[in-house]
Amino acid sequence: MRGTLESVLQRQVCANHPERPALALCMACGRRLCQECATPWEGINFCASCLAARRGGRRERSRFVAWLPPLVAAALLFLFANQLRVFLAVLVGGMF
């Protein structure tokens, strides 16, 4: 029994630092990591290479691109509201 426990403890070392005990597990590749190598991101531990791959695939939009759809919608609403106002003024003015 003692030999089995020692062999289990020996295998639970950091993948990057064999002299350190593993305290975390990378949720992407399954490598055991020490406290220095484990990086929590959105509550999940990742190794450096998996985190870089995960963050590299997700690009953030610029602020201008994020504001573009609401600005276009506001401009169209303003344009059509003004045209509708003119149309109703002509229609109502013709009735009286």
Protein backbone atom coordinates (compact mmCIF):
# COMPACT_ATOMS: atom_id res chain seq x y z
CA MET A 1 0.00 0.00 0.00
CA ARG A 2 2.80 2.38 0.85
CA GLY A 3 4.49 1.85 -2.52
CA THR A 4 1.26 2.67 -4.36
CA LEU A 5 0.73 5.91 -2.43
CA GLU A 6 4.30 7.03 -3.10
CA SER A 7 3.98 6.29 -6.82
CA VAL A 8 0.73 8.28 -7.00
CA LEU A 9 2.30 11.22 -5.20
CA GLN A 10 5.34 11.10 -7.51
CA ARG A 11 3.12 11.33 -10.60
CA GLN A 12 1.26 14.36 -9.27
CA VAL A 13 3.95 16.88 -10.09
CA CYS A 14 3.85 19.91 -12.34
CA ALA A 15 4.32 19.18 -16.04
CA ASN A 16 6.72 22.14 -16.31
CA HIS A 17 8.41 21.90 -12.90
CA PRO A 18 8.92 18.25 -11.83
CA GLU A 19 10.23 19.35 -8.43
CA ARG A 20 6.90 21.04 -7.53
CA PRO A 21 3.64 19.33 -6.57
CA ALA A 22 0.71 19.66 -8.93
CA LEU A 23 -2.12 21.70 -7.42
CA ALA A 24 -4.27 22.21 -10.52
CA LEU A 25 -5.25 20.55 -13.75
CA CYS A 26 -5.49 22.27 -17.15
CA MET A 27 -9.08 21.83 -18.28
CA ALA A 28 -8.11 21.89 -21.97
CA CYS A 29 -5.20 19.45 -22.21
CA GLY A 30 -5.30 17.73 -18.81
CA ARG A 31 -1.72 18.52 -17.77
CA ARG A 32 -1.01 18.79 -14.07
CA LEU A 33 0.19 22.24 -13.02
CA CYS A 34 1.78 23.86 -10.01
CA GLN A 35 0.40 27.06 -8.54
CA GLU A 36 2.75 29.19 -10.67
CA CYS A 37 1.82 27.49 -13.96
CA ALA A 38 -1.97 27.38 -13.46
CA THR A 39 -3.76 30.44 -14.79
CA PRO A 40 -7.43 30.80 -13.90
CA TRP A 41 -9.52 32.35 -16.68
CA GLU A 42 -13.27 32.72 -16.24
CA GLY A 43 -13.02 30.45 -13.19
CA ILE A 44 -11.26 27.60 -15.04
CA ASN A 45 -7.56 26.65 -14.78
CA PHE A 46 -5.50 26.54 -17.97
CA CYS A 47 -1.83 26.07 -18.79
CA ALA A 48 -0.05 28.89 -20.61
CA SER A 49 -0.19 27.30 -24.07
CA CYS A 50 -3.89 26.37 -23.87
CA LEU A 51 -4.78 29.80 -22.52
CA ALA A 52 -2.87 31.49 -25.34
CA ALA A 53 -4.68 29.35 -27.91
CA ARG A 54 -8.06 30.03 -26.32
CA ARG A 55 -7.54 33.79 -26.04
CA GLY A 56 -5.99 34.05 -29.52
CA GLY A 57 -9.12 32.67 -31.16
CA ARG A 58 -11.33 35.32 -29.60
CA ARG A 59 -10.85 38.79 -31.02
CA GLU A 60 -12.36 41.80 -29.39
CA ARG A 61 -14.17 44.34 -31.54
CA SER A 62 -13.17 47.96 -31.49
CA ARG A 63 -15.43 50.44 -29.76
CA PHE A 64 -16.42 52.04 -33.06
CA VAL A 65 -17.57 48.74 -34.52
CA ALA A 66 -19.57 48.05 -31.37
CA TRP A 67 -21.37 51.41 -31.63
CA LEU A 68 -21.94 51.26 -35.40
CA PRO A 69 -25.28 49.35 -35.46
CA PRO A 70 -27.01 51.61 -32.90
CA LEU A 71 -25.71 54.71 -34.69
CA VAL A 72 -27.01 53.51 -38.06
CA ALA A 73 -30.37 52.63 -36.50
CA ALA A 74 -30.64 56.09 -34.89
CA ALA A 75 -29.77 57.82 -38.18
CA LEU A 76 -32.36 55.80 -40.10
CA LEU A 77 -34.98 56.47 -37.44
CA PHE A 78 -34.26 60.20 -37.59
CA LEU A 79 -34.42 60.23 -41.40
CA PHE A 80 -37.67 58.30 -41.66
CA ALA A 81 -39.30 60.12 -38.74
CA ASN A 82 -38.65 63.43 -40.49
CA GLN A 83 -40.07 62.10 -43.77
CA LEU A 84 -43.12 60.74 -41.94
CA ARG A 85 -43.68 64.12 -40.28
CA VAL A 86 -43.62 65.90 -43.66
CA PHE A 87 -45.98 63.32 -45.20
CA LEU A 88 -48.47 63.63 -42.34
CA ALA A 89 -48.33 67.43 -42.48
CA VAL A 90 -49.21 67.35 -46.21
CA LEU A 91 -51.94 64.75 -45.66
CA VAL A 92 -53.51 66.52 -42.69
CA GLY A 93 -53.11 69.93 -44.36
CA GLY A 94 -55.01 68.62 -47.41
CA MET A 95 -57.92 67.50 -45.25
CA PHE A 96 -58.63 70.93 -43.81
